[in-house]
Amino acid sequence: MNFDFLKDGLVVPKPVGRGRKKKTPRLPIWEKYLIISIKTIENSIQEWDGYITKPESRAEKYYASKNWTILNREQFSKGQLAEVSCSMTVGRITKFKIIPRYLWEGKGTQKTLVVDHANRVGTVTQQQHNVMATLEHFQQILLGLTKESEGGRVFWDQAKAIAKPKSKKDWFYDDTLDLWVERNKF
């Protein structure tokens, strides 16, 4: 018997089980966390722009962005200007501690702003009209970071600390790969 007529129109069988997952190469810590930080600040800028320029579309429930938080929410909802905590992050959450500390000293009309360059912080409080400029400036700082700069070294150290695996295995940092690698136990 000849079954050649069945060859036309045969359906290719689907593979059984789960297919192999494509392995994406691991990015070095510097590149990975810089990409994440830049995307995070871009999203925060868009969220701030939408939140401030479109008050009618604000959700009933307040949400904070990764790089900004309104500190005086009750007064802001009543029409006062917002006081906003702005920050740069390493990755998505950890504050990038590179901003000099700003302090108000004195009382009344003799208050002066003092900049303490010795102590670095990850956040600064701004008035509503300065938030967009602050976030865009943070974005420019992140875009201009290099491994050799002072800020770049701080960023890289914080990124290495975040990227360190939490498992109990013996991990070491490999400078050439810029990755945490498991130590072989022989």
Protein backbone atom coordinates (compact mmCIF):
# COMPACT_ATOMS: atom_id res chain seq x y z
CA MET A 1 0.00 0.00 0.00
CA ASN A 2 1.18 3.47 -0.82
CA PHE A 3 0.62 6.21 1.75
CA ASP A 4 2.45 9.01 -0.03
CA PHE A 5 -0.80 10.96 -0.26
CA LEU A 6 -0.62 11.55 3.54
CA LYS A 7 2.59 13.60 3.27
CA ASP A 8 0.70 16.68 2.15
CA GLY A 9 -0.88 18.59 5.03
CA LEU A 10 0.75 16.75 7.93
CA VAL A 11 0.89 18.83 11.11
CA VAL A 12 4.28 19.09 12.75
CA PRO A 13 4.04 17.70 16.28
CA LYS A 14 4.60 20.08 19.16
CA PRO A 15 7.56 19.30 21.38
CA VAL A 16 6.76 17.61 24.65
CA GLY A 17 7.84 19.32 27.84
CA ARG A 18 9.35 22.69 28.38
CA GLY A 19 11.77 24.08 25.82
CA ARG A 20 15.23 25.23 26.70
CA LYS A 21 15.46 28.70 28.03
CA LYS A 22 17.73 31.00 26.10
CA LYS A 23 20.72 31.85 28.21
CA THR A 24 21.42 35.52 28.19
CA PRO A 25 24.94 36.48 29.11
CA ARG A 26 25.28 38.05 32.53
CA LEU A 27 26.15 41.71 32.31
CA PRO A 28 28.97 43.03 34.45
CA ILE A 29 27.77 44.69 37.65
CA TRP A 30 28.70 48.20 36.49
CA GLU A 31 26.72 47.96 33.24
CA LYS A 32 23.72 46.16 34.74
CA TYR A 33 23.16 48.59 37.61
CA LEU A 34 23.86 51.67 35.51
CA ILE A 35 21.22 50.55 32.98
CA ILE A 36 18.71 49.84 35.76
CA SER A 37 19.42 53.20 37.44
CA ILE A 38 19.01 55.16 34.20
CA LYS A 39 15.72 53.42 33.38
CA THR A 40 14.47 54.02 36.92
CA ILE A 41 15.20 57.77 36.80
CA GLU A 42 13.58 58.02 33.32
CA ASN A 43 10.41 56.38 34.68
CA SER A 44 10.42 58.68 37.70
CA ILE A 45 10.70 61.77 35.49
CA GLN A 46 7.74 60.60 33.40
CA GLU A 47 5.72 59.80 36.53
CA TRP A 48 6.45 63.22 38.03
CA ASP A 49 5.50 64.98 34.82
CA GLY A 50 2.23 63.04 34.63
CA TYR A 51 1.48 63.51 38.31
CA ILE A 52 2.00 67.28 38.32
CA THR A 53 0.77 68.30 34.86
CA LYS A 54 -2.37 66.13 34.91
CA PRO A 55 -4.00 66.54 38.32
CA GLU A 56 -7.32 65.21 37.03
CA SER A 57 -5.74 61.82 36.27
CA ARG A 58 -4.16 61.36 39.71
CA ALA A 59 -5.24 58.25 41.45
CA GLU A 60 -7.23 58.55 44.66
CA LYS A 61 -4.58 56.56 46.43
CA TYR A 62 -1.18 58.26 46.46
CA TYR A 63 1.83 56.37 45.20
CA ALA A 64 5.48 57.29 45.55
CA SER A 65 7.91 56.91 42.71
CA LYS A 66 11.33 55.26 43.03
CA ASN A 67 13.08 58.65 42.93
CA TRP A 68 10.57 61.03 44.51
CA THR A 69 8.12 61.07 47.40
CA ILE A 70 5.77 63.87 48.43
CA LEU A 71 6.37 64.56 52.10
CA ASN A 72 3.41 66.85 52.84
CA ARG A 73 0.64 64.87 51.13
CA GLU A 74 -2.24 66.25 53.20
CA GLN A 75 -1.27 69.88 52.62
CA PHE A 76 -0.57 69.14 48.94
CA SER A 77 -4.05 67.65 48.49
CA LYS A 78 -5.47 70.86 49.98
CA GLY A 79 -3.68 73.02 47.38
CA GLN A 80 -0.33 73.88 48.95
CA LEU A 81 2.93 73.36 47.10
CA ALA A 82 4.49 69.95 47.54
CA GLU A 83 7.67 69.31 49.48
CA VAL A 84 9.32 66.42 47.70
CA SER A 85 12.11 64.10 48.73
CA CYS A 86 14.21 63.49 45.58
CA SER A 87 16.83 60.78 45.35
CA MET A 88 19.17 59.00 42.98
CA THR A 89 19.29 55.24 43.21
CA VAL A 90 21.76 52.49 42.50
CA GLY A 91 19.54 49.96 40.80
CA ARG A 92 15.92 50.46 41.77
CA ILE A 93 15.92 50.97 45.52
CA THR A 94 19.26 51.71 47.20
CA LYS A 95 19.97 55.42 47.55
CA PHE A 96 23.07 56.64 45.69
CA LYS A 97 24.90 58.43 48.49
CA ILE A 98 26.69 61.13 46.52
CA ILE A 99 24.69 64.29 47.29
CA PRO A 100 26.34 66.67 49.80
CA ARG A 101 24.29 67.23 52.95
CA TYR A 102 22.40 70.55 53.01
CA LEU A 103 21.62 71.98 56.45
CA TRP A 104 19.74 75.07 57.62
CA GLU A 105 21.51 76.77 60.53
CA GLY A 106 20.24 79.64 62.63
CA LYS A 107 16.74 80.82 63.40
CA GLY A 108 14.27 83.25 61.91
CA THR A 109 15.70 85.72 59.43
CA GLN A 110 19.27 84.62 60.21
CA LYS A 111 18.81 81.16 58.74
CA THR A 112 21.61 80.21 56.37
CA LEU A 113 22.08 77.20 54.16
CA VAL A 114 25.25 75.28 54.91
CA VAL A 115 26.63 72.65 52.55
CA ASP A 116 28.49 69.79 54.22
CA HIS A 117 30.63 68.10 51.55
CA ALA A 118 32.14 65.65 54.06
CA ASN A 119 28.83 63.84 54.68
CA ARG A 120 27.08 62.46 51.63
CA VAL A 121 23.41 61.50 51.52
CA GLY A 122 21.10 59.86 49.00
CA THR A 123 18.14 62.24 49.18
CA VAL A 124 17.42 65.95 49.13
CA THR A 125 14.14 67.75 49.87
CA GLN A 126 12.96 70.13 47.16
CA GLN A 127 9.97 72.35 46.56
CA GLN A 128 7.53 71.29 43.88
CA HIS A 129 8.77 73.67 41.17
CA ASN A 130 12.39 72.40 41.49
CA VAL A 131 11.66 68.66 41.35
CA MET A 132 11.77 68.22 37.56
CA ALA A 133 15.07 70.10 37.27
CA THR A 134 16.51 68.06 40.15
CA LEU A 135 15.46 64.73 38.61
CA GLU A 136 16.82 65.73 35.20
CA HIS A 137 20.10 66.78 36.81
CA PHE A 138 20.29 63.39 38.58
CA GLN A 139 19.72 61.75 35.19
CA GLN A 140 22.60 63.74 33.66
CA ILE A 141 24.87 62.68 36.53
CA LEU A 142 24.01 59.02 35.92
CA LEU A 143 24.53 59.34 32.16
CA GLY A 144 27.95 60.93 32.72
CA LEU A 145 29.26 58.45 35.30
CA THR A 146 32.56 56.74 34.60
CA LYS A 147 34.29 54.06 36.63
CA GLU A 148 37.24 56.37 37.24
CA SER A 149 35.28 59.32 38.66
CA GLU A 150 34.68 59.78 42.38
CA GLY A 151 30.92 59.35 41.95
CA GLY A 152 31.48 56.36 39.70
CA ARG A 153 33.57 54.60 42.35
CA VAL A 154 30.86 55.21 44.97
CA PHE A 155 28.20 53.94 42.54
CA TRP A 156 30.25 50.84 41.69
CA ASP A 157 30.94 50.02 45.36
CA GLN A 158 27.24 50.27 46.18
CA ALA A 159 26.33 48.19 43.12
CA LYS A 160 28.81 45.46 44.13
CA ALA A 161 27.30 45.36 47.61
CA ILE A 162 23.77 45.04 46.20
CA ALA A 163 24.77 42.39 43.66
CA LYS A 164 26.51 40.13 46.20
CA PRO A 165 24.52 36.87 46.34
CA LYS A 166 22.68 36.21 49.58
CA SER A 167 23.21 32.44 49.56
CA LYS A 168 25.54 30.74 52.03
CA LYS A 169 27.88 29.57 49.28
CA ASP A 170 31.40 30.92 49.21
CA TRP A 171 31.35 33.88 46.78
CA PHE A 172 34.19 36.16 45.75
CA TYR A 173 34.27 39.26 43.59
CA ASP A 174 36.16 38.78 40.31
CA ASP A 175 37.64 42.11 39.15
CA THR A 176 38.20 40.93 35.59
CA LEU A 177 34.58 39.84 35.08
CA ASP A 178 33.02 42.46 37.37
CA LEU A 179 30.82 39.69 38.77
CA TRP A 180 30.39 37.68 41.94
CA VAL A 181 31.62 34.14 41.28
CA GLU A 182 31.19 31.02 43.39
CA ARG A 183 34.47 29.71 44.73
CA ASN A 184 35.12 26.13 43.65
CA LYS A 185 35.48 23.74 46.56
CA PHE A 186 37.93 20.96 45.87
